[in-house]
């Protein structure tokens, strides 16, 4: 399942979209890493309070990391 297909409460979707946007506009590898770490921390919080199923949490982790890796790749070739 992809991040775009996840059904999330509006408040959570807003934060996830903001985290993705921060990753996508980062202008350095360090910026990407910082944004990805913020995303990981957010998902860890959701996981800790058992806000979602393990499948949703895993999809969030994987989706944010995939976005970060994609951005790193773009920056490597820029």
N, C-alpha and C. Protein backbone atom coordinates (compact mmCIF):
# COMPACT_ATOMS: atom_id res chain seq x y z
N UNK A 1 0.85 -1.18 0.00
CA UNK A 1 0.00 0.00 0.00
C UNK A 1 0.89 1.24 0.00
N UNK A 2 0.50 2.26 -0.71
CA UNK A 2 1.28 3.49 -0.78
C UNK A 2 0.71 4.53 0.18
N UNK A 3 1.52 5.53 0.46
CA UNK A 3 1.07 6.59 1.37
C UNK A 3 -0.17 7.29 0.85
N UNK A 4 -0.24 7.50 -0.44
CA UNK A 4 -1.38 8.22 -1.00
C UNK A 4 -2.68 7.45 -0.87
N UNK A 5 -2.60 6.13 -0.73
CA UNK A 5 -3.81 5.31 -0.62
C UNK A 5 -4.23 5.05 0.82
N UNK A 6 -3.39 5.46 1.77
CA UNK A 6 -3.75 5.26 3.17
C UNK A 6 -4.93 6.16 3.54
N UNK A 7 -5.86 5.60 4.26
CA UNK A 7 -6.97 6.38 4.79
C UNK A 7 -6.57 6.79 6.20
N UNK A 8 -6.36 8.08 6.37
CA UNK A 8 -5.91 8.62 7.64
C UNK A 8 -6.84 9.75 8.08
N UNK A 9 -6.95 9.97 9.39
CA UNK A 9 -7.70 11.14 9.85
C UNK A 9 -7.09 12.42 9.26
N UNK A 10 -7.91 13.42 9.06
CA UNK A 10 -7.46 14.65 8.40
C UNK A 10 -6.25 15.27 9.09
N UNK A 11 -6.24 15.27 10.40
CA UNK A 11 -5.13 15.89 11.13
C UNK A 11 -3.82 15.14 10.87
N UNK A 12 -3.89 13.82 10.85
CA UNK A 12 -2.70 13.00 10.60
C UNK A 12 -2.28 13.15 9.14
N UNK A 13 -3.22 13.15 8.23
CA UNK A 13 -2.90 13.32 6.80
C UNK A 13 -2.19 14.64 6.57
N UNK A 14 -2.64 15.69 7.23
CA UNK A 14 -2.01 17.00 7.08
C UNK A 14 -0.55 16.95 7.51
N UNK A 15 -0.27 16.30 8.63
CA UNK A 15 1.11 16.21 9.11
C UNK A 15 1.95 15.35 8.17
N UNK A 16 1.41 14.22 7.74
CA UNK A 16 2.14 13.34 6.82
C UNK A 16 2.46 14.09 5.52
N UNK A 17 1.49 14.81 5.00
CA UNK A 17 1.73 15.58 3.77
C UNK A 17 2.78 16.66 3.99
N UNK A 18 2.76 17.30 5.14
CA UNK A 18 3.76 18.33 5.45
C UNK A 18 5.16 17.71 5.57
N UNK A 19 5.24 16.54 6.20
CA UNK A 19 6.52 15.85 6.32
C UNK A 19 7.06 15.44 4.95
N UNK A 20 6.18 14.93 4.11
CA UNK A 20 6.59 14.56 2.75
C UNK A 20 7.07 15.78 1.97
N UNK A 21 6.35 16.88 2.11
CA UNK A 21 6.74 18.10 1.40
C UNK A 21 8.11 18.57 1.86
N UNK A 22 8.39 18.48 3.15
CA UNK A 22 9.70 18.89 3.67
C UNK A 22 10.81 18.03 3.07
N UNK A 23 10.55 16.75 2.92
CA UNK A 23 11.53 15.85 2.31
C UNK A 23 11.73 16.23 0.84
N UNK A 24 10.63 16.46 0.14
CA UNK A 24 10.68 16.70 -1.30
C UNK A 24 11.33 18.02 -1.67
N UNK A 25 11.35 19.00 -0.77
CA UNK A 25 11.95 20.30 -1.11
C UNK A 25 13.31 20.51 -0.45
N UNK A 26 13.76 19.53 0.31
CA UNK A 26 15.07 19.66 0.97
C UNK A 26 16.13 19.89 -0.10
N UNK A 27 17.06 20.82 0.18
CA UNK A 27 18.05 21.16 -0.83
C UNK A 27 19.43 20.59 -0.56
N UNK A 28 19.51 19.69 0.43
CA UNK A 28 20.77 19.02 0.71
C UNK A 28 20.48 17.65 1.34
N UNK A 29 21.49 16.80 1.32
CA UNK A 29 21.32 15.48 1.95
C UNK A 29 21.04 15.64 3.43
N UNK A 30 21.69 16.60 4.07
CA UNK A 30 21.45 16.84 5.49
C UNK A 30 20.00 17.28 5.72
N UNK A 31 19.48 18.13 4.86
CA UNK A 31 18.09 18.56 4.96
C UNK A 31 17.13 17.39 4.80
N UNK A 32 17.44 16.51 3.85
CA UNK A 32 16.61 15.32 3.64
C UNK A 32 16.64 14.45 4.90
N UNK A 33 17.83 14.25 5.45
CA UNK A 33 17.97 13.41 6.64
C UNK A 33 17.20 13.99 7.82
N UNK A 34 17.28 15.30 8.00
CA UNK A 34 16.56 15.93 9.10
C UNK A 34 15.05 15.77 8.93
N UNK A 35 14.56 16.00 7.72
CA UNK A 35 13.13 15.87 7.46
C UNK A 35 12.68 14.42 7.63
N UNK A 36 13.50 13.49 7.17
CA UNK A 36 13.16 12.07 7.31
C UNK A 36 13.14 11.66 8.77
N UNK A 37 14.06 12.19 9.56
CA UNK A 37 14.08 11.87 10.99
C UNK A 37 12.85 12.42 11.70
N UNK A 38 12.41 13.61 11.31
CA UNK A 38 11.17 14.15 11.88
C UNK A 38 10.00 13.23 11.55
N UNK A 39 9.97 12.76 10.30
CA UNK A 39 8.91 11.84 9.90
C UNK A 39 8.95 10.55 10.69
N UNK A 40 10.15 10.02 10.86
CA UNK A 40 10.30 8.78 11.62
C UNK A 40 9.85 8.98 13.07
N UNK A 41 10.17 10.11 13.64
CA UNK A 41 9.75 10.41 15.01
C UNK A 41 8.24 10.51 15.13
N UNK A 42 7.62 11.13 14.13
CA UNK A 42 6.16 11.24 14.13
C UNK A 42 5.52 9.86 14.07
N UNK A 43 6.01 9.02 13.18
CA UNK A 43 5.45 7.67 13.05
C UNK A 43 5.71 6.86 14.33
N UNK A 44 6.88 7.03 14.92
CA UNK A 44 7.18 6.35 16.18
C UNK A 44 6.16 6.74 17.25
N UNK A 45 5.80 8.00 17.29
CA UNK A 45 4.78 8.45 18.23
C UNK A 45 3.44 7.78 17.98
N UNK A 46 3.05 7.70 16.72
CA UNK A 46 1.79 7.03 16.38
C UNK A 46 1.84 5.56 16.76
N UNK A 47 2.99 4.94 16.51
CA UNK A 47 3.17 3.53 16.84
C UNK A 47 3.13 3.33 18.36
N UNK A 48 3.77 4.21 19.09
CA UNK A 48 3.84 4.08 20.54
C UNK A 48 2.47 4.13 21.19
N UNK A 49 1.62 5.01 20.70
CA UNK A 49 0.28 5.12 21.29
C UNK A 49 -0.72 4.18 20.62
N UNK A 50 -0.20 3.33 19.73
CA UNK A 50 -1.03 2.34 19.05
C UNK A 50 -2.24 2.99 18.35
N UNK A 51 -1.93 4.09 17.66
CA UNK A 51 -2.98 4.84 16.97
C UNK A 51 -3.47 4.14 15.71
N UNK A 52 -2.62 3.28 15.12
CA UNK A 52 -2.96 2.61 13.87
C UNK A 52 -2.49 1.17 13.90
N UNK A 53 -2.96 0.41 12.95
CA UNK A 53 -2.51 -0.98 12.84
C UNK A 53 -1.04 -1.02 12.46
N UNK A 54 -0.43 -2.16 12.69
CA UNK A 54 0.99 -2.30 12.34
C UNK A 54 1.20 -2.14 10.83
N UNK A 55 0.22 -2.54 10.03
CA UNK A 55 0.34 -2.38 8.57
C UNK A 55 0.40 -0.90 8.19
N UNK A 56 -0.44 -0.09 8.79
CA UNK A 56 -0.45 1.34 8.49
C UNK A 56 0.87 1.97 8.95
N UNK A 57 1.32 1.62 10.14
CA UNK A 57 2.58 2.15 10.66
C UNK A 57 3.73 1.78 9.74
N UNK A 58 3.77 0.53 9.32
CA UNK A 58 4.83 0.08 8.42
C UNK A 58 4.78 0.83 7.09
N UNK A 59 3.60 1.05 6.58
CA UNK A 59 3.45 1.78 5.33
C UNK A 59 3.94 3.21 5.48
N UNK A 60 3.66 3.83 6.62
CA UNK A 60 4.16 5.18 6.87
C UNK A 60 5.68 5.21 6.93
N UNK A 61 6.27 4.29 7.68
CA UNK A 61 7.73 4.22 7.75
C UNK A 61 8.35 4.04 6.36
N UNK A 62 7.85 3.05 5.63
CA UNK A 62 8.40 2.73 4.32
C UNK A 62 8.19 3.88 3.34
N UNK A 63 7.01 4.46 3.36
CA UNK A 63 6.70 5.55 2.43
C UNK A 63 7.56 6.78 2.65
N UNK A 64 7.75 7.15 3.91
CA UNK A 64 8.58 8.31 4.20
C UNK A 64 10.05 8.04 3.85
N UNK A 65 10.52 6.84 4.15
CA UNK A 65 11.91 6.50 3.82
C UNK A 65 12.11 6.44 2.30
N UNK A 66 11.12 5.92 1.59
CA UNK A 66 11.21 5.87 0.12
C UNK A 66 11.27 7.28 -0.46
N UNK A 67 10.48 8.19 0.08
CA UNK A 67 10.50 9.57 -0.39
C UNK A 67 11.86 10.20 -0.11
N UNK A 68 12.42 9.91 1.06
CA UNK A 68 13.74 10.44 1.41
C UNK A 68 14.81 9.89 0.47
N UNK A 69 14.76 8.61 0.22
CA UNK A 69 15.77 8.01 -0.66
C UNK A 69 15.65 8.57 -2.08
N UNK A 70 14.43 8.75 -2.54
CA UNK A 70 14.21 9.31 -3.87
C UNK A 70 14.79 10.74 -3.94
N UNK A 71 14.58 11.53 -2.89
CA UNK A 71 15.10 12.90 -2.88
C UNK A 71 16.63 12.90 -2.82
N UNK A 72 17.21 12.00 -2.03
CA UNK A 72 18.67 11.89 -1.97
C UNK A 72 19.24 11.59 -3.35
N UNK A 73 18.57 10.70 -4.06
CA UNK A 73 19.01 10.31 -5.40
C UNK A 73 18.97 11.50 -6.35
N UNK A 74 17.90 12.28 -6.28
CA UNK A 74 17.79 13.48 -7.12
C UNK A 74 18.92 14.44 -6.80
N UNK A 75 19.19 14.64 -5.52
CA UNK A 75 20.25 15.57 -5.13
C UNK A 75 21.63 15.08 -5.55
N UNK A 76 21.84 13.76 -5.55
CA UNK A 76 23.14 13.20 -5.98
C UNK A 76 23.42 13.53 -7.44
N UNK A 77 22.37 13.59 -8.25
CA UNK A 77 22.53 13.78 -9.69
C UNK A 77 22.31 15.22 -10.12
N UNK A 78 22.15 16.08 -9.14
CA UNK A 78 21.91 17.51 -9.48
C UNK A 78 23.22 18.25 -9.70
